[in-house]
């Protein structure tokens, strides 16, 4: 068996965003990149990028120049 029903064997966990990633993510958001494309590049759920976009997470970290 494969997939979620079998416990997800063979699947690796997604990346955990770190504070040093955030300025570059915010820069890409500012430049108009789509949230889902940024998320794919970091191997995270688009919701994590959306939280950064809205300031819910890492609101105190500025975007990269």
C-alpha atoms as a PDB file:
ATOM      1  CA  UNK A   1       0.000   0.000   0.000  1.00  0.00           C
ATOM      2  CA  UNK A   2       1.088   3.575  -0.577  1.00  0.00           C
ATOM      3  CA  UNK A   3      -0.025   7.024   0.442  1.00  0.00           C
ATOM      4  CA  UNK A   4      -1.608   8.419   3.557  1.00  0.00           C
ATOM      5  CA  UNK A   5      -3.571   5.287   4.445  1.00  0.00           C
ATOM      6  CA  UNK A   6      -0.324   3.392   4.971  1.00  0.00           C
ATOM      7  CA  UNK A   7       1.160   6.053   7.224  1.00  0.00           C
ATOM      8  CA  UNK A   8       2.858   8.026   4.479  1.00  0.00           C
ATOM      9  CA  UNK A   9       5.895   5.760   4.254  1.00  0.00           C
ATOM     10  CA  UNK A  10       8.463   7.077   1.836  1.00  0.00           C
ATOM     11  CA  UNK A  11       7.350  10.666   2.224  1.00  0.00           C
ATOM     12  CA  UNK A  12       9.688  13.268   3.634  1.00  0.00           C
ATOM     13  CA  UNK A  13       8.360  16.150   5.716  1.00  0.00           C
ATOM     14  CA  UNK A  14       8.162  19.566   4.124  1.00  0.00           C
ATOM     15  CA  UNK A  15      10.762  22.243   4.828  1.00  0.00           C
ATOM     16  CA  UNK A  16      10.465  24.366   7.969  1.00  0.00           C
ATOM     17  CA  UNK A  17      10.770  28.048   7.145  1.00  0.00           C
ATOM     18  CA  UNK A  18      13.478  29.879   9.056  1.00  0.00           C
ATOM     19  CA  UNK A  19      13.629  33.592   9.887  1.00  0.00           C
ATOM     20  CA  UNK A  20      16.503  34.039   7.411  1.00  0.00           C
ATOM     21  CA  UNK A  21      14.205  32.839   4.580  1.00  0.00           C
ATOM     22  CA  UNK A  22      11.576  35.495   5.265  1.00  0.00           C
ATOM     23  CA  UNK A  23      13.243  38.612   3.744  1.00  0.00           C
ATOM     24  CA  UNK A  24      13.612  36.831   0.408  1.00  0.00           C
ATOM     25  CA  UNK A  25      10.057  35.507   0.547  1.00  0.00           C
ATOM     26  CA  UNK A  26       8.742  39.007   1.274  1.00  0.00           C
ATOM     27  CA  UNK A  27      10.804  40.393  -1.597  1.00  0.00           C
ATOM     28  CA  UNK A  28       9.272  37.858  -3.987  1.00  0.00           C
ATOM     29  CA  UNK A  29       5.777  38.726  -2.716  1.00  0.00           C
ATOM     30  CA  UNK A  30       6.504  42.431  -3.245  1.00  0.00           C
ATOM     31  CA  UNK A  31       7.731  41.684  -6.783  1.00  0.00           C
ATOM     32  CA  UNK A  32       4.437  39.926  -7.594  1.00  0.00           C
ATOM     33  CA  UNK A  33       5.359  36.235  -7.408  1.00  0.00           C
ATOM     34  CA  UNK A  34       2.399  33.954  -6.756  1.00  0.00           C
ATOM     35  CA  UNK A  35       2.123  32.506  -3.245  1.00  0.00           C
ATOM     36  CA  UNK A  36       1.809  28.962  -4.564  1.00  0.00           C
ATOM     37  CA  UNK A  37       5.002  29.284  -6.645  1.00  0.00           C
ATOM     38  CA  UNK A  38       6.985  30.607  -3.694  1.00  0.00           C
ATOM     39  CA  UNK A  39       5.616  27.779  -1.543  1.00  0.00           C
ATOM     40  CA  UNK A  40       6.631  25.200  -4.135  1.00  0.00           C
ATOM     41  CA  UNK A  41      10.176  26.584  -4.237  1.00  0.00           C
ATOM     42  CA  UNK A  42      10.455  26.219  -0.450  1.00  0.00           C
ATOM     43  CA  UNK A  43       8.498  22.930  -0.299  1.00  0.00           C
ATOM     44  CA  UNK A  44       5.950  24.338   2.156  1.00  0.00           C
ATOM     45  CA  UNK A  45       2.193  24.710   2.254  1.00  0.00           C
ATOM     46  CA  UNK A  46       1.007  27.922   0.525  1.00  0.00           C
ATOM     47  CA  UNK A  47      -0.698  28.822   3.801  1.00  0.00           C
ATOM     48  CA  UNK A  48       2.697  29.407   5.391  1.00  0.00           C
ATOM     49  CA  UNK A  49       3.605  31.920   2.682  1.00  0.00           C
ATOM     50  CA  UNK A  50       0.188  33.552   2.991  1.00  0.00           C
ATOM     51  CA  UNK A  51       0.764  34.010   6.734  1.00  0.00           C
ATOM     52  CA  UNK A  52       4.004  35.831   5.938  1.00  0.00           C
ATOM     53  CA  UNK A  53       2.234  37.920   3.279  1.00  0.00           C
ATOM     54  CA  UNK A  54      -0.470  39.067   5.705  1.00  0.00           C
ATOM     55  CA  UNK A  55       1.981  39.668   8.559  1.00  0.00           C
ATOM     56  CA  UNK A  56       0.503  36.966  10.759  1.00  0.00           C
ATOM     57  CA  UNK A  57       3.953  35.357  10.904  1.00  0.00           C
ATOM     58  CA  UNK A  58       7.277  37.165  10.915  1.00  0.00           C
ATOM     59  CA  UNK A  59       5.631  40.588  10.622  1.00  0.00           C
ATOM     60  CA  UNK A  60       8.649  42.201  12.268  1.00  0.00           C
ATOM     61  CA  UNK A  61      11.116  41.004   9.608  1.00  0.00           C
ATOM     62  CA  UNK A  62      11.503  43.390   6.656  1.00  0.00           C
ATOM     63  CA  UNK A  63      11.750  42.352   3.004  1.00  0.00           C
ATOM     64  CA  UNK A  64      15.148  42.062   1.378  1.00  0.00           C
ATOM     65  CA  UNK A  65      16.162  45.106  -0.681  1.00  0.00           C
END
